[in-house]
Amino acid sequence: MIYISALFAILFIFVRTFKGGLIALLLKIVASLSFIALGFYYINTFYTLSKLLICGGLIFGLVGDILLDLKVIYPQHNNTYLFSGIISFILQHITIFFAITVLTSFNIIKDNIIFILLIPIFITIIAYFSFKILKMNLKNALVLSLLYLFLLIYVTTFYLFTTLKYPNYIYLLIGMIIFIISDFVLSFMYFKNNQENKFLIIVNHGLYYAAQILIASQILYL
């Protein structure tokens, strides 16, 4: 099943890079549905709240991914699709975070609260000044982008400490690290006017689908 999901992702990336348009959007939906299907496949009839929440998070990821592609197809509604896409991804990460905290009973957060808070604050401050230095044109998306970045680093730091205690969470941790790198590439595409750069398109989407497949695969080890 994981190979099927990867195959659909590769097919979409190829069409998105060299053709684009509505066909690419439809293939993106299929590729995203495949990693959601992978998540439900790994539940393997043993349903728990946390597993279902992760699958729900993957669905939010699909919605966010479609919205961001609509941003490219309909540039006249750029901000609407951009903000809606970011919010959908925020919901994905909050949902998965809640799923893992249910399993760990908040003990990881309580035992490492200083690091889990200070690390994302520190990185978010660095990112803010980096945006200025690199002259990235975030305009009215700056605040939402910084909040989103803080959330990404916060949950990833949490998953790091979770993995140090419970090594079976390694797939989620690696998936989130790759997710952050993917979003870093995406920010250069959106805010430095590189949306049609073929190399960045391939790197961004390749990392993104690898991240989502790893997150879905974590279900197998819960």
C-alpha atoms as a PDB file:
ATOM      1  CA  MET A   1       0.000   0.000   0.000  1.00  0.00           C
ATOM      2  CA  ILE A   2       2.836   2.405   0.800  1.00  0.00           C
ATOM      3  CA  TYR A   3       4.299   1.847  -2.683  1.00  0.00           C
ATOM      4  CA  ILE A   4       0.961   2.716  -4.295  1.00  0.00           C
ATOM      5  CA  SER A   5       0.818   5.946  -2.319  1.00  0.00           C
ATOM      6  CA  ALA A   6       4.391   6.820  -3.352  1.00  0.00           C
ATOM      7  CA  LEU A   7       3.591   6.000  -6.996  1.00  0.00           C
ATOM      8  CA  PHE A   8       0.595   8.343  -7.077  1.00  0.00           C
ATOM      9  CA  ALA A   9       2.732  11.072  -5.499  1.00  0.00           C
ATOM     10  CA  ILE A  10       5.450  10.653  -8.145  1.00  0.00           C
ATOM     11  CA  LEU A  11       2.866  10.723 -10.951  1.00  0.00           C
ATOM     12  CA  PHE A  12       1.325  13.919  -9.581  1.00  0.00           C
ATOM     13  CA  ILE A  13       4.729  15.606  -9.184  1.00  0.00           C
ATOM     14  CA  PHE A  14       5.602  14.792 -12.798  1.00  0.00           C
ATOM     15  CA  VAL A  15       2.341  16.231 -14.173  1.00  0.00           C
ATOM     16  CA  ARG A  16       2.432  19.255 -11.834  1.00  0.00           C
ATOM     17  CA  THR A  17       5.994  20.074 -12.883  1.00  0.00           C
ATOM     18  CA  PHE A  18       5.614  19.761 -16.640  1.00  0.00           C
ATOM     19  CA  LYS A  19       1.921  20.468 -17.281  1.00  0.00           C
ATOM     20  CA  GLY A  20       0.001  21.826 -14.292  1.00  0.00           C
ATOM     21  CA  GLY A  21      -3.620  22.936 -14.506  1.00  0.00           C
ATOM     22  CA  LEU A  22      -6.750  21.021 -13.561  1.00  0.00           C
ATOM     23  CA  ILE A  23      -5.261  17.600 -14.367  1.00  0.00           C
ATOM     24  CA  ALA A  24      -2.474  18.214 -11.869  1.00  0.00           C
ATOM     25  CA  LEU A  25      -5.040  19.273  -9.260  1.00  0.00           C
ATOM     26  CA  LEU A  26      -7.051  16.077  -9.790  1.00  0.00           C
ATOM     27  CA  LEU A  27      -3.902  13.965  -9.497  1.00  0.00           C
ATOM     28  CA  LYS A  28      -2.990  15.861  -6.322  1.00  0.00           C
ATOM     29  CA  ILE A  29      -6.364  14.867  -4.850  1.00  0.00           C
ATOM     30  CA  VAL A  30      -5.695  11.224  -5.787  1.00  0.00           C
ATOM     31  CA  ALA A  31      -2.170  11.348  -4.316  1.00  0.00           C
ATOM     32  CA  SER A  32      -3.479  12.891  -1.093  1.00  0.00           C
ATOM     33  CA  LEU A  33      -6.335  10.394  -0.887  1.00  0.00           C
ATOM     34  CA  SER A  34      -3.751   7.629  -1.181  1.00  0.00           C
ATOM     35  CA  PHE A  35      -1.885   8.652   1.993  1.00  0.00           C
ATOM     36  CA  ILE A  36      -5.203   8.983   3.811  1.00  0.00           C
ATOM     37  CA  ALA A  37      -6.098   5.481   2.597  1.00  0.00           C
ATOM     38  CA  LEU A  38      -2.682   4.341   3.829  1.00  0.00           C
ATOM     39  CA  GLY A  39      -3.503   5.657   7.279  1.00  0.00           C
ATOM     40  CA  PHE A  40      -6.829   3.829   7.427  1.00  0.00           C
ATOM     41  CA  TYR A  41      -5.161   0.704   6.025  1.00  0.00           C
ATOM     42  CA  TYR A  42      -2.657   0.735   8.892  1.00  0.00           C
ATOM     43  CA  ILE A  43      -5.454   0.956  11.452  1.00  0.00           C
ATOM     44  CA  ASN A  44      -6.086  -2.664  10.434  1.00  0.00           C
ATOM     45  CA  THR A  45      -9.531  -2.981  12.131  1.00  0.00           C
ATOM     46  CA  PHE A  46      -8.059  -2.027  15.539  1.00  0.00           C
ATOM     47  CA  TYR A  47      -9.585   1.405  15.951  1.00  0.00           C
ATOM     48  CA  THR A  48      -8.458   3.780  18.693  1.00  0.00           C
ATOM     49  CA  LEU A  49      -9.175   7.470  19.209  1.00  0.00           C
ATOM     50  CA  SER A  50      -5.554   8.413  18.512  1.00  0.00           C
ATOM     51  CA  LYS A  51      -5.386   6.452  15.256  1.00  0.00           C
ATOM     52  CA  LEU A  52      -8.627   7.985  14.029  1.00  0.00           C
ATOM     53  CA  LEU A  53      -7.403  11.467  14.984  1.00  0.00           C
ATOM     54  CA  ILE A  54      -4.238  11.008  12.947  1.00  0.00           C
ATOM     55  CA  CYS A  55      -6.353   9.944   9.966  1.00  0.00           C
ATOM     56  CA  GLY A  56      -8.479  13.030  10.552  1.00  0.00           C
ATOM     57  CA  GLY A  57      -5.302  15.113  10.533  1.00  0.00           C
ATOM     58  CA  LEU A  58      -4.327  13.600   7.181  1.00  0.00           C
ATOM     59  CA  ILE A  59      -7.719  14.636   5.805  1.00  0.00           C
ATOM     60  CA  PHE A  60      -7.060  18.229   6.914  1.00  0.00           C
ATOM     61  CA  GLY A  61      -3.738  17.914   5.069  1.00  0.00           C
ATOM     62  CA  LEU A  62      -5.554  16.932   1.882  1.00  0.00           C
ATOM     63  CA  VAL A  63      -7.851  19.956   2.169  1.00  0.00           C
ATOM     64  CA  GLY A  64      -4.919  22.290   2.837  1.00  0.00           C
ATOM     65  CA  ASP A  65      -2.982  20.899  -0.105  1.00  0.00           C
ATOM     66  CA  ILE A  66      -5.915  21.424  -2.490  1.00  0.00           C
ATOM     67  CA  LEU A  67      -6.471  24.971  -1.248  1.00  0.00           C
ATOM     68  CA  LEU A  68      -2.827  25.898  -1.827  1.00  0.00           C
ATOM     69  CA  ASP A  69      -2.994  24.556  -5.374  1.00  0.00           C
ATOM     70  CA  LEU A  70      -6.158  26.574  -6.000  1.00  0.00           C
ATOM     71  CA  LYS A  71      -4.060  29.591  -5.001  1.00  0.00           C
ATOM     72  CA  VAL A  72      -1.884  28.918  -8.051  1.00  0.00           C
ATOM     73  CA  ILE A  73      -4.799  28.163 -10.409  1.00  0.00           C
ATOM     74  CA  TYR A  74      -6.847  31.191  -9.300  1.00  0.00           C
ATOM     75  CA  PRO A  75      -4.306  33.931  -8.434  1.00  0.00           C
ATOM     76  CA  GLN A  76      -7.067  36.536  -8.151  1.00  0.00           C
ATOM     77  CA  HIS A  77      -8.105  34.838  -4.900  1.00  0.00           C
ATOM     78  CA  ASN A  78      -4.526  34.401  -3.734  1.00  0.00           C
ATOM     79  CA  ASN A  79      -4.949  35.450  -0.092  1.00  0.00           C
ATOM     80  CA  THR A  80      -8.186  33.547   0.458  1.00  0.00           C
ATOM     81  CA  TYR A  81      -6.713  30.222  -0.638  1.00  0.00           C
ATOM     82  CA  LEU A  82      -3.366  30.867   1.063  1.00  0.00           C
ATOM     83  CA  PHE A  83      -4.894  31.660   4.460  1.00  0.00           C
ATOM     84  CA  SER A  84      -7.432  28.844   4.185  1.00  0.00           C
ATOM     85  CA  GLY A  85      -4.674  26.374   3.268  1.00  0.00           C
ATOM     86  CA  ILE A  86      -2.466  27.393   6.188  1.00  0.00           C
ATOM     87  CA  ILE A  87      -5.399  27.133   8.609  1.00  0.00           C
ATOM     88  CA  SER A  88      -6.207  23.651   7.311  1.00  0.00           C
ATOM     89  CA  PHE A  89      -2.613  22.530   7.923  1.00  0.00           C
ATOM     90  CA  ILE A  90      -2.753  24.097  11.382  1.00  0.00           C
ATOM     91  CA  LEU A  91      -5.790  21.910  12.072  1.00  0.00           C
ATOM     92  CA  GLN A  92      -3.872  18.863  10.823  1.00  0.00           C
ATOM     93  CA  HIS A  93      -1.006  19.405  13.236  1.00  0.00           C
ATOM     94  CA  ILE A  94      -3.261  20.257  16.181  1.00  0.00           C
ATOM     95  CA  THR A  95      -5.307  17.100  15.565  1.00  0.00           C
ATOM     96  CA  ILE A  96      -2.234  14.842  15.407  1.00  0.00           C
ATOM     97  CA  PHE A  97      -0.679  16.588  18.412  1.00  0.00           C
ATOM     98  CA  PHE A  98      -3.820  15.898  20.409  1.00  0.00           C
ATOM     99  CA  ALA A  99      -3.726  12.253  19.288  1.00  0.00           C
ATOM    100  CA  ILE A 100      -0.207  11.815  20.663  1.00  0.00           C
ATOM    101  CA  THR A 101      -0.876  13.691  23.912  1.00  0.00           C
ATOM    102  CA  VAL A 102      -3.803  11.340  24.537  1.00  0.00           C
ATOM    103  CA  LEU A 103      -1.387   8.414  24.303  1.00  0.00           C
ATOM    104  CA  THR A 104       1.302  10.009  26.496  1.00  0.00           C
ATOM    105  CA  SER A 105      -1.130  11.510  29.038  1.00  0.00           C
ATOM    106  CA  PHE A 106       0.608  14.920  28.795  1.00  0.00           C
ATOM    107  CA  ASN A 107       3.603  13.569  30.747  1.00  0.00           C
ATOM    108  CA  ILE A 108       6.081  14.436  27.995  1.00  0.00           C
ATOM    109  CA  ILE A 109       4.912  18.065  27.959  1.00  0.00           C
ATOM    110  CA  LYS A 110       4.986  18.392  31.747  1.00  0.00           C
ATOM    111  CA  ASP A 111       8.476  16.898  32.039  1.00  0.00           C
ATOM    112  CA  ASN A 112       9.997  19.026  29.245  1.00  0.00           C
ATOM    113  CA  ILE A 113       7.819  22.137  29.235  1.00  0.00           C
ATOM    114  CA  ILE A 114      10.729  24.628  29.250  1.00  0.00           C
ATOM    115  CA  PHE A 115      12.406  23.181  26.139  1.00  0.00           C
ATOM    116  CA  ILE A 116       9.121  22.548  24.334  1.00  0.00           C
ATOM    117  CA  LEU A 117       8.253  26.240  24.724  1.00  0.00           C
ATOM    118  CA  LEU A 118      11.645  27.953  24.420  1.00  0.00           C
ATOM    119  CA  ILE A 119      12.885  26.149  21.306  1.00  0.00           C
ATOM    120  CA  PRO A 120       9.906  27.155  19.082  1.00  0.00           C
ATOM    121  CA  ILE A 121       9.962  30.726  20.450  1.00  0.00           C
ATOM    122  CA  PHE A 122      13.672  31.030  19.676  1.00  0.00           C
ATOM    123  CA  ILE A 123      13.335  29.596  16.145  1.00  0.00           C
ATOM    124  CA  THR A 124      10.273  31.744  15.383  1.00  0.00           C
ATOM    125  CA  ILE A 125      12.201  34.904  16.353  1.00  0.00           C
ATOM    126  CA  ILE A 126      15.101  33.851  14.109  1.00  0.00           C
ATOM    127  CA  ALA A 127      12.641  33.188  11.275  1.00  0.00           C
ATOM    128  CA  TYR A 128      11.110  36.657  11.645  1.00  0.00           C
ATOM    129  CA  PHE A 129      14.466  38.374  11.175  1.00  0.00           C
ATOM    130  CA  SER A 130      15.393  35.917   8.411  1.00  0.00           C
ATOM    131  CA  PHE A 131      12.284  36.970   6.477  1.00  0.00           C
ATOM    132  CA  LYS A 132      13.493  40.568   6.716  1.00  0.00           C
ATOM    133  CA  ILE A 133      17.083  39.766   5.714  1.00  0.00           C
ATOM    134  CA  LEU A 134      15.999  37.619   2.758  1.00  0.00           C
ATOM    135  CA  LYS A 135      13.425  40.273   1.760  1.00  0.00           C
ATOM    136  CA  MET A 136      10.617  37.740   1.593  1.00  0.00           C
ATOM    137  CA  ASN A 137       7.364  39.480   0.697  1.00  0.00           C
ATOM    138  CA  LEU A 138       4.905  37.943   3.187  1.00  0.00           C
ATOM    139  CA  LYS A 139       2.766  41.106   3.400  1.00  0.00           C
ATOM    140  CA  ASN A 140      -0.407  40.362   5.419  1.00  0.00           C
ATOM    141  CA  ALA A 141       0.519  36.666   5.739  1.00  0.00           C
ATOM    142  CA  LEU A 142       3.398  37.411   8.138  1.00  0.00           C
ATOM    143  CA  VAL A 143       1.537  36.938  11.427  1.00  0.00           C
ATOM    144  CA  LEU A 144      -0.255  33.754  10.343  1.00  0.00           C
ATOM    145  CA  SER A 145       2.976  32.342   8.885  1.00  0.00           C
ATOM    146  CA  LEU A 146       4.866  32.962  12.130  1.00  0.00           C
ATOM    147  CA  LEU A 147       2.084  31.376  14.188  1.00  0.00           C
ATOM    148  CA  TYR A 148       2.124  28.388  11.854  1.00  0.00           C
ATOM    149  CA  LEU A 149       5.906  28.084  12.134  1.00  0.00           C
ATOM    150  CA  PHE A 150       5.698  28.259  15.928  1.00  0.00           C
ATOM    151  CA  LEU A 151       3.147  25.439  15.912  1.00  0.00           C
ATOM    152  CA  LEU A 152       5.297  23.289  13.608  1.00  0.00           C
ATOM    153  CA  ILE A 153       8.388  23.678  15.783  1.00  0.00           C
ATOM    154  CA  TYR A 154       6.361  23.225  18.982  1.00  0.00           C
ATOM    155  CA  VAL A 155       4.814  19.906  17.945  1.00  0.00           C
ATOM    156  CA  THR A 156       8.081  18.671  16.414  1.00  0.00           C
ATOM    157  CA  THR A 157       9.961  19.452  19.633  1.00  0.00           C
ATOM    158  CA  PHE A 158       7.264  17.573  21.506  1.00  0.00           C
ATOM    159  CA  TYR A 159       7.639  14.593  19.152  1.00  0.00           C
ATOM    160  CA  LEU A 160      11.415  14.714  19.673  1.00  0.00           C
ATOM    161  CA  PHE A 161      11.078  14.294  23.431  1.00  0.00           C
ATOM    162  CA  THR A 162       8.347  11.720  22.906  1.00  0.00           C
ATOM    163  CA  THR A 163      10.638   9.701  20.633  1.00  0.00           C
ATOM    164  CA  LEU A 164      13.508   9.896  23.125  1.00  0.00           C
ATOM    165  CA  LYS A 165      11.237   8.171  25.624  1.00  0.00           C
ATOM    166  CA  TYR A 166       9.259   5.990  23.213  1.00  0.00           C
ATOM    167  CA  PRO A 167      11.393   5.186  20.109  1.00  0.00           C
ATOM    168  CA  ASN A 168       8.384   3.826  18.182  1.00  0.00           C
ATOM    169  CA  TYR A 169       7.353   7.441  17.436  1.00  0.00           C
ATOM    170  CA  ILE A 170      10.365   7.914  15.155  1.00  0.00           C
ATOM    171  CA  TYR A 171       8.258   7.867  11.965  1.00  0.00           C
ATOM    172  CA  LEU A 172       6.192  10.817  13.156  1.00  0.00           C
ATOM    173  CA  LEU A 173       9.300  12.743  14.205  1.00  0.00           C
ATOM    174  CA  ILE A 174      11.094  12.218  10.887  1.00  0.00           C
ATOM    175  CA  GLY A 175       7.881  12.997   9.020  1.00  0.00           C
ATOM    176  CA  MET A 176       7.521  16.328  10.810  1.00  0.00           C
ATOM    177  CA  ILE A 177      11.147  17.303  10.228  1.00  0.00           C
ATOM    178  CA  ILE A 178      10.691  16.628   6.504  1.00  0.00           C
ATOM    179  CA  PHE A 179       7.378  18.539   6.626  1.00  0.00           C
ATOM    180  CA  ILE A 180       9.152  21.620   8.007  1.00  0.00           C
ATOM    181  CA  ILE A 181      11.825  21.444   5.293  1.00  0.00           C
ATOM    182  CA  SER A 182       9.067  21.142   2.686  1.00  0.00           C
ATOM    183  CA  ASP A 183       7.342  24.252   4.046  1.00  0.00           C
ATOM    184  CA  PHE A 184      10.670  26.085   4.086  1.00  0.00           C
ATOM    185  CA  VAL A 185      11.039  25.377   0.359  1.00  0.00           C
ATOM    186  CA  LEU A 186       7.400  26.348  -0.207  1.00  0.00           C
ATOM    187  CA  SER A 187       7.957  29.718   1.474  1.00  0.00           C
ATOM    188  CA  PHE A 188      10.711  30.479  -1.049  1.00  0.00           C
ATOM    189  CA  MET A 189       8.318  29.564  -3.834  1.00  0.00           C
ATOM    190  CA  TYR A 190       5.428  31.708  -2.592  1.00  0.00           C
ATOM    191  CA  PHE A 191       7.188  34.699  -1.087  1.00  0.00           C
ATOM    192  CA  LYS A 192      10.159  35.037  -3.468  1.00  0.00           C
ATOM    193  CA  ASN A 193       8.130  34.630  -6.676  1.00  0.00           C
ATOM    194  CA  ASN A 194       9.443  31.161  -7.520  1.00  0.00           C
ATOM    195  CA  GLN A 195       6.123  29.336  -7.895  1.00  0.00           C
ATOM    196  CA  GLU A 196       6.982  27.985 -11.357  1.00  0.00           C
ATOM    197  CA  ASN A 197      10.547  26.945 -10.556  1.00  0.00           C
ATOM    198  CA  LYS A 198      10.506  23.274 -11.619  1.00  0.00           C
ATOM    199  CA  PHE A 199      13.330  22.229  -9.304  1.00  0.00           C
ATOM    200  CA  LEU A 200      11.604  23.748  -6.259  1.00  0.00           C
ATOM    201  CA  ILE A 201       8.266  22.207  -7.289  1.00  0.00           C
ATOM    202  CA  ILE A 202       9.829  18.734  -7.369  1.00  0.00           C
ATOM    203  CA  VAL A 203      11.701  19.190  -4.073  1.00  0.00           C
ATOM    204  CA  ASN A 204       8.734  20.717  -2.252  1.00  0.00           C
ATOM    205  CA  HIS A 205       6.188  18.119  -3.300  1.00  0.00           C
ATOM    206  CA  GLY A 206       8.612  15.212  -2.962  1.00  0.00           C
ATOM    207  CA  LEU A 207       9.358  16.181   0.638  1.00  0.00           C
ATOM    208  CA  TYR A 208       5.708  16.913   1.394  1.00  0.00           C
ATOM    209  CA  TYR A 209       4.400  13.532   0.261  1.00  0.00           C
ATOM    210  CA  ALA A 210       7.275  11.705   1.954  1.00  0.00           C
ATOM    211  CA  ALA A 211       6.313  13.509   5.185  1.00  0.00           C
ATOM    212  CA  GLN A 212       2.618  12.663   4.931  1.00  0.00           C
ATOM    213  CA  ILE A 213       3.370   9.011   4.128  1.00  0.00           C
ATOM    214  CA  LEU A 214       5.634   8.780   7.194  1.00  0.00           C
ATOM    215  CA  ILE A 215       2.960  10.385   9.390  1.00  0.00           C
ATOM    216  CA  ALA A 216       0.388   7.901   8.084  1.00  0.00           C
ATOM    217  CA  SER A 217       2.859   5.042   8.671  1.00  0.00           C
ATOM    218  CA  GLN A 218       3.154   6.017  12.340  1.00  0.00           C
ATOM    219  CA  ILE A 219      -0.339   4.588  12.856  1.00  0.00           C
ATOM    220  CA  LEU A 220       1.074   1.104  12.338  1.00  0.00           C
ATOM    221  CA  TYR A 221       3.315   1.526  15.390  1.00  0.00           C
ATOM    222  CA  LEU A 222       0.806   2.901  17.888  1.00  0.00           C
END
